[in-house]
Protein backbone atom coordinates (compact mmCIF):
# COMPACT_ATOMS: atom_id res chain seq x y z
CA MET A 1 108.81 -307.53 -40.27
CA GLU A 2 112.54 -308.23 -40.56
CA LEU A 3 114.54 -308.73 -37.38
CA LEU A 4 118.09 -307.36 -37.17
CA PHE A 5 120.66 -309.69 -35.64
CA VAL A 6 122.96 -307.30 -33.79
CA SER A 7 125.35 -309.80 -32.19
CA LEU A 8 127.89 -310.69 -34.86
CA PRO A 9 131.15 -312.65 -34.97
CA ARG A 10 134.06 -310.33 -34.25
CA MET A 11 137.06 -310.98 -36.44
CA GLY A 12 139.15 -307.87 -37.04
CA MET A 13 141.03 -306.23 -39.89
CA LEU A 14 144.08 -304.07 -40.49
CA VAL A 15 143.62 -300.32 -40.94
CA GLU A 16 146.75 -298.49 -42.07
CA GLY A 17 148.77 -301.36 -40.70
CA VAL A 18 147.06 -301.29 -37.28
CA TRP A 19 144.80 -304.12 -36.11
CA ARG A 20 141.19 -303.17 -35.37
CA GLU A 21 138.68 -305.61 -33.93
CA THR A 22 135.48 -305.37 -35.95
CA PRO A 23 132.32 -307.35 -36.61
CA VAL A 24 132.72 -309.77 -39.48
CA THR A 25 130.52 -307.66 -41.74
CA GLN A 26 132.97 -304.74 -41.49
CA GLY A 27 135.62 -307.03 -42.88
CA ALA A 28 133.17 -307.46 -45.74
CA GLN A 29 131.08 -304.91 -47.56
CA GLU A 30 127.58 -304.63 -46.19
CA ALA A 31 124.77 -303.90 -48.63
CA GLU A 32 121.26 -302.75 -47.82
CA GLY A 33 119.00 -305.37 -46.36
CA GLY A 34 121.58 -307.03 -44.12
CA ARG A 35 123.39 -308.90 -46.90
CA PHE A 36 126.91 -310.19 -46.39
CA ILE A 37 129.13 -309.25 -49.35
CA ARG A 38 132.75 -310.39 -49.41
CA ARG A 39 135.50 -307.89 -50.16
CA ALA A 40 137.86 -308.57 -53.04
CA SER A 41 141.35 -309.80 -52.22
CA ALA A 42 144.07 -307.13 -52.15
CA PHE A 43 147.26 -308.80 -53.42
CA ARG A 44 146.84 -309.79 -57.05
CA ASP A 45 150.29 -310.26 -58.57
CA HIS A 46 151.01 -313.35 -60.66
CA ILE A 47 153.75 -315.90 -60.97
CA GLU A 48 154.69 -316.09 -64.65
CA ARG A 49 157.72 -316.80 -66.74
CA GLY A 50 159.60 -313.61 -67.59
CA GLY A 51 157.74 -311.57 -64.98
CA ARG A 52 158.70 -310.16 -61.60
CA PHE A 53 157.63 -313.38 -59.89
CA THR A 54 159.02 -316.28 -61.89
CA PRO A 55 158.19 -319.95 -61.21
CA GLU A 56 161.18 -321.21 -59.24
CA ALA A 57 161.38 -324.25 -56.98
CA GLY A 58 161.84 -323.29 -53.33
CA ARG A 59 161.06 -319.60 -53.79
CA TYR A 60 157.44 -319.55 -52.62
CA HIS A 61 155.54 -320.52 -49.48
CA LEU A 62 151.81 -321.14 -49.16
CA TYR A 63 150.04 -320.23 -45.92
CA VAL A 64 146.72 -322.05 -45.55
CA SER A 65 144.10 -323.05 -43.00
CA TRP A 66 142.76 -326.59 -43.07
CA ALA A 67 139.47 -325.10 -41.88
CA CYS A 68 139.06 -322.57 -44.70
CA PRO A 69 137.48 -323.82 -47.95
CA TRP A 70 139.22 -321.12 -50.00
CA ALA A 71 142.68 -322.05 -48.70
CA HIS A 72 141.86 -325.76 -48.86
CA ARG A 73 141.38 -325.61 -52.63
CA THR A 74 144.95 -324.30 -53.12
CA ALA A 75 146.41 -327.02 -50.90
CA ILE A 76 144.59 -329.69 -52.91
CA VAL A 77 145.89 -328.26 -56.21
CA ARG A 78 149.43 -328.21 -54.79
CA ARG A 79 149.11 -331.88 -53.82
CA LEU A 80 147.49 -333.08 -57.06
CA LYS A 81 150.07 -331.21 -59.14
CA ARG A 82 152.87 -332.81 -57.04
CA LEU A 83 154.42 -329.47 -56.12
CA GLU A 84 155.36 -330.31 -52.53
CA ASP A 85 159.09 -330.15 -53.35
CA GLN A 86 158.71 -326.82 -55.14
CA ILE A 87 156.36 -324.86 -52.85
CA SER A 88 156.51 -325.14 -49.07
CA LEU A 89 153.31 -325.04 -47.03
CA SER A 90 152.21 -324.35 -43.46
CA THR A 91 148.90 -323.87 -41.70
CA VAL A 92 147.53 -321.43 -39.15
CA ASP A 93 145.76 -322.49 -35.95
CA TYR A 94 142.15 -323.46 -36.50
CA LEU A 95 140.79 -321.11 -33.83
CA MET A 96 140.26 -317.54 -35.00
CA GLY A 97 139.83 -315.16 -32.09
CA SER A 98 140.13 -311.41 -31.63
CA ASP A 99 143.66 -311.50 -33.12
CA GLY A 100 142.51 -313.21 -36.31
CA TRP A 101 144.50 -316.14 -37.68
CA THR A 102 147.45 -317.05 -35.44
CA PHE A 103 150.46 -319.37 -35.46
CA GLY A 104 151.85 -321.80 -32.95
CA GLN A 105 149.08 -321.89 -30.36
CA GLY A 106 148.16 -325.49 -31.13
CA GLU A 107 149.94 -328.23 -33.05
CA PRO A 108 153.61 -327.93 -34.09
CA GLU A 109 152.54 -327.80 -37.76
CA THR A 110 150.91 -324.41 -37.13
CA ARG A 111 154.19 -322.62 -36.38
CA ASP A 112 155.36 -320.05 -38.94
CA PRO A 113 158.44 -321.53 -40.64
CA ILE A 114 159.32 -318.37 -42.59
CA GLY A 115 159.53 -315.49 -40.13
CA GLY A 116 158.75 -317.14 -36.80
CA LEU A 117 155.72 -314.86 -36.48
CA THR A 118 152.78 -315.38 -34.12
CA MET A 119 149.94 -313.81 -36.15
CA LEU A 120 149.08 -313.90 -39.83
CA ARG A 121 148.47 -310.17 -39.81
CA GLU A 122 152.21 -309.73 -39.24
CA VAL A 123 152.78 -311.41 -42.60
CA TYR A 124 150.53 -308.81 -44.22
CA VAL A 125 152.24 -305.90 -42.49
CA ARG A 126 155.62 -307.31 -43.45
CA ALA A 127 154.49 -307.10 -47.08
CA ASP A 128 152.81 -303.68 -46.71
CA ALA A 129 153.30 -301.63 -43.55
CA ARG A 130 150.23 -299.47 -44.39
CA TYR A 131 147.92 -302.30 -45.46
CA THR A 132 144.19 -301.83 -44.93
CA GLY A 133 141.88 -304.80 -45.31
CA LYS A 134 141.08 -308.31 -44.20
CA VAL A 135 143.75 -310.78 -43.16
CA THR A 136 142.81 -313.98 -44.95
CA VAL A 137 144.18 -317.29 -46.12
CA PRO A 138 145.50 -318.50 -48.47
CA VAL A 139 148.61 -316.36 -48.79
CA LEU A 140 151.26 -317.04 -51.44
CA TRP A 141 154.51 -315.61 -50.06
CA ASP A 142 157.71 -314.83 -51.98
CA LYS A 143 160.70 -315.74 -49.79
CA ARG A 144 163.12 -313.82 -52.04
CA GLU A 145 161.38 -310.44 -52.04
CA ASN A 146 159.70 -310.93 -48.65
CA THR A 147 156.28 -309.98 -49.88
CA ILE A 148 152.85 -311.41 -50.64
CA VAL A 149 152.41 -312.35 -54.27
CA ASN A 150 148.70 -313.13 -54.10
CA ASN A 151 145.95 -313.86 -51.57
CA GLU A 152 143.12 -314.73 -53.98
CA SER A 153 142.52 -318.47 -53.81
CA LEU A 154 141.33 -319.04 -57.37
CA GLU A 155 144.21 -317.12 -58.89
CA ILE A 156 146.70 -319.00 -56.73
CA ALA A 157 145.15 -322.32 -57.76
CA LYS A 158 145.43 -321.43 -61.44
CA MET A 159 149.06 -320.37 -61.05
CA LEU A 160 149.94 -323.61 -59.27
CA ASP A 161 148.34 -325.59 -62.07
CA ARG A 162 149.87 -323.75 -65.02
CA GLU A 163 153.10 -322.01 -64.08
CA PHE A 164 155.15 -324.72 -62.38
CA ASP A 165 156.76 -327.77 -63.94
CA SER A 166 154.69 -330.84 -63.17
CA ASN A 167 154.07 -334.22 -64.77
CA ALA A 168 150.55 -334.35 -63.32
CA ASP A 169 147.43 -333.91 -65.43
CA PRO A 170 146.26 -330.30 -65.81
CA LEU A 171 143.35 -329.18 -63.64
CA TYR A 172 142.76 -326.04 -65.70
CA PRO A 173 143.38 -327.16 -69.30
CA ALA A 174 143.32 -324.40 -71.91
CA ALA A 175 140.79 -326.28 -74.04
CA LEU A 176 138.24 -326.19 -71.20
CA GLU A 177 139.18 -322.84 -69.69
CA ARG A 178 135.96 -321.01 -70.57
CA GLU A 179 133.73 -323.83 -69.40
CA ILE A 180 135.63 -324.24 -66.13
CA ASP A 181 135.54 -320.49 -65.45
CA ALA A 182 131.81 -320.37 -66.18
CA MET A 183 131.10 -323.29 -63.84
CA ILE A 184 133.20 -321.82 -61.02
CA GLU A 185 131.46 -318.46 -61.42
CA ALA A 186 128.01 -320.05 -61.43
CA ASN A 187 128.76 -321.92 -58.21
CA TYR A 188 130.61 -319.13 -56.41
CA GLY A 189 127.84 -316.73 -55.45
CA ALA A 190 125.11 -319.28 -54.82
CA ILE A 191 127.14 -322.04 -53.13
CA ASN A 192 130.74 -321.21 -52.15
CA ASP A 193 129.87 -317.78 -50.83
CA GLY A 194 126.17 -318.58 -50.50
CA VAL A 195 126.69 -320.57 -47.32
CA TYR A 196 128.35 -317.51 -45.76
CA ARG A 197 125.64 -315.19 -47.08
CA SER A 198 123.15 -317.45 -45.33
CA GLY A 199 125.08 -317.81 -42.08
CA PHE A 200 126.11 -314.18 -41.72
CA ALA A 201 122.87 -312.61 -42.98
CA ARG A 202 121.64 -309.86 -40.69
CA THR A 203 117.98 -309.91 -41.70
CA GLN A 204 115.41 -312.58 -42.41
CA GLY A 205 115.04 -311.33 -45.96
CA ALA A 206 118.77 -311.53 -46.65
CA TYR A 207 118.91 -315.05 -45.22
CA ASP A 208 115.90 -316.23 -47.23
CA GLU A 209 117.36 -314.80 -50.42
CA ALA A 210 120.71 -316.52 -49.90
CA VAL A 211 119.45 -319.91 -48.77
CA ILE A 212 116.88 -320.19 -51.58
CA ALA A 213 119.57 -319.39 -54.18
CA LEU A 214 121.91 -321.89 -52.53
CA PHE A 215 119.52 -324.81 -52.78
CA ALA A 216 118.31 -323.86 -56.24
CA ARG A 217 121.89 -324.15 -57.46
CA LEU A 218 122.45 -327.42 -55.57
CA ASP A 219 119.31 -328.81 -57.19
CA ALA A 220 120.62 -327.83 -60.63
CA LEU A 221 123.99 -329.46 -59.95
CA GLU A 222 122.28 -332.61 -58.75
CA LEU A 223 120.66 -332.97 -62.15
CA HIS A 224 123.92 -332.20 -63.97
CA LEU A 225 125.97 -334.64 -61.89
CA SER A 226 123.43 -337.39 -62.32
CA LYS A 227 124.56 -337.48 -65.97
CA HIS A 228 128.22 -336.46 -65.72
CA ARG A 229 130.91 -337.76 -63.40
CA TYR A 230 132.64 -334.38 -63.24
CA LEU A 231 131.40 -330.82 -63.63
CA VAL A 232 133.35 -330.02 -66.80
CA GLY A 233 135.00 -332.41 -69.22
CA PRO A 234 136.00 -336.06 -68.77
CA GLY A 235 138.31 -335.67 -65.76
CA LEU A 236 138.81 -333.88 -62.46
CA SER A 237 139.21 -330.14 -62.95
CA LEU A 238 139.58 -326.98 -60.90
CA ALA A 239 135.80 -326.55 -61.07
CA ASP A 240 135.36 -329.82 -59.15
CA ILE A 241 137.89 -328.86 -56.49
CA CYS A 242 136.24 -325.46 -55.93
CA LEU A 243 132.86 -327.11 -55.38
CA PHE A 244 134.28 -329.99 -53.34
CA THR A 245 135.73 -327.88 -50.51
CA THR A 246 132.29 -326.40 -49.82
CA LEU A 247 130.42 -329.70 -50.10
CA LEU A 248 132.92 -331.32 -47.71
CA ARG A 249 131.97 -328.85 -44.99
CA PHE A 250 128.27 -328.71 -45.73
CA ASP A 251 126.71 -331.47 -43.62
CA ALA A 252 129.27 -331.11 -40.80
CA VAL A 253 129.06 -327.31 -40.47
CA TYR A 254 126.97 -325.27 -42.88
CA HIS A 255 123.77 -327.30 -42.51
CA GLY A 256 123.46 -326.48 -38.81
CA HIS A 257 125.87 -323.66 -37.97
CA PHE A 258 124.94 -321.50 -40.97
CA LYS A 259 121.27 -322.60 -41.09
CA CYS A 260 121.64 -324.12 -44.58
CA ASN A 261 119.21 -326.82 -43.55
CA LEU A 262 116.63 -327.36 -46.29
CA ARG A 263 118.52 -330.53 -47.20
CA ARG A 264 121.86 -332.21 -46.50
CA ILE A 265 124.33 -333.13 -49.22
CA ALA A 266 123.72 -336.72 -48.09
CA ASP A 267 120.11 -336.27 -49.25
CA TYR A 268 121.30 -335.74 -52.85
CA ALA A 269 122.33 -338.97 -54.58
CA ALA A 270 124.55 -337.42 -57.26
CA LEU A 271 126.08 -334.64 -55.15
CA GLN A 272 126.89 -337.10 -52.37
CA GLY A 273 128.45 -339.50 -54.86
CA PHE A 274 130.48 -336.64 -56.34
CA LEU A 275 131.67 -335.63 -52.87
CA LEU A 276 132.82 -339.19 -52.14
CA ASP A 277 134.47 -339.49 -55.56
CA VAL A 278 136.62 -336.38 -55.13
CA TYR A 279 137.37 -337.15 -51.46
CA GLN A 280 138.65 -340.60 -52.45
CA THR A 281 140.89 -339.21 -55.21
CA PRO A 282 144.49 -340.15 -54.25
CA GLY A 283 146.07 -337.27 -52.34
CA VAL A 284 142.84 -335.53 -51.28
CA ARG A 285 141.64 -337.49 -48.23
CA GLU A 286 144.66 -336.69 -46.06
CA LEU A 287 144.18 -332.95 -46.60
CA CYS A 288 140.65 -333.02 -45.14
CA ARG A 289 140.99 -332.16 -41.46
CA PHE A 290 137.61 -332.21 -39.73
CA ASP A 291 139.20 -331.44 -36.37
CA HIS A 292 140.29 -328.09 -37.82
CA ILE A 293 137.08 -327.56 -39.79
CA LYS A 294 134.62 -328.17 -36.96
CA GLY A 295 136.85 -326.62 -34.31
CA HIS A 296 137.18 -323.42 -36.33
CA TYR A 297 133.56 -322.80 -37.20
CA TYR A 298 131.94 -323.85 -33.93
CA GLN A 299 134.51 -322.18 -31.66
CA SER A 300 135.46 -319.06 -33.64
CA HIS A 301 131.91 -317.77 -34.29
CA ASP A 302 130.84 -317.43 -30.69
CA SER A 303 127.87 -315.21 -31.50
CA LEU A 304 126.47 -318.00 -33.69
CA ASN A 305 127.44 -320.71 -31.17
CA PRO A 306 127.77 -319.03 -27.74
CA SER A 307 128.57 -322.27 -25.92
CA ARG A 308 131.41 -323.00 -28.38
CA ILE A 309 130.57 -326.68 -28.05
CA VAL A 310 131.78 -328.68 -31.05
CA PRO A 311 129.24 -331.36 -32.03
CA LYS A 312 130.39 -334.96 -32.35
CA GLY A 313 128.37 -335.63 -35.47
CA PRO A 314 127.31 -336.11 -38.07
CA ILE A 315 128.92 -339.38 -39.18
CA LEU A 316 129.70 -338.75 -42.85
CA HIS A 317 130.75 -342.17 -44.30
CA LEU A 318 133.12 -340.52 -46.78
CA ASP A 319 134.82 -343.82 -47.59
CA ALA A 320 131.60 -345.45 -48.79
CA PRO A 321 131.48 -346.64 -52.44
CA HIS A 322 130.49 -343.80 -54.76
CA GLY A 323 129.57 -345.79 -57.87
CA ARG A 324 130.36 -342.93 -60.21
CA ASP A 325 132.74 -344.93 -62.38
CA ARG A 326 129.68 -345.93 -64.42
CA LEU A 327 129.45 -342.35 -65.72
CA GLY A 328 132.80 -342.71 -67.47
């Protein structure tokens, strides 16, 4: 017999430009059997030379959350591509309550530098007064046309890598494009979204399905990474960054909070080494904010953690030697 979990995190979404507080699964698409299925992002324009949105220094702003793995990947790409002088960046508050993502309630860095707004949903309505859908990060904002260019993290990451002038190594090289895309796709459903499918499952069957697929894929990657330093090719790529932001949060949050507890990443020799390797890549460590990560998950999902107590542990030892140089 499957039990239905009726108390769900309440997030909210915009409906015809009006904010409606809803359970998290209404912000997603809910399939039969209590499965959590994420909605596709709504803004899908592209920055490209000769197009409506051209790559220009100072024109664009990136809204992120240090807590969100999807937004985190875009911030890492921006840093590794050395685009700080070309694309400005700000972060929302880590706590997501009934108003969704907000600005300026916590640290000074969480204030909106573009429009002085107090809620991220106001950014969406500013772009489309009749917008219906989730209000998510990341958001790539065009300061010239006062609109959202794109709110799909992978597309933003690819644009940052390819469309702006940078003397940094490519993270999405054309020669490895198909392999990188295939690896990202293989990891997305089982791992990146799999932790959410496990944590937000509404039935035992949906949870079992998600968590078994999650660890099957982790097991496969453990074997792969025991022979290769990176997921695709000889150097760090976008595929590595997309996996890294989930692995970073796994032992601290997903293992307990989302019941992804068959094993920890620390129990995998190769995956743990990979995590340390990417974390210790110059420019990455300082973008990893565990105060935001743990504060967001444990305090925002009050139906999963009614006390809203943020655990002190685990101690992660992310600066330990990784030993992966031997793989080349």
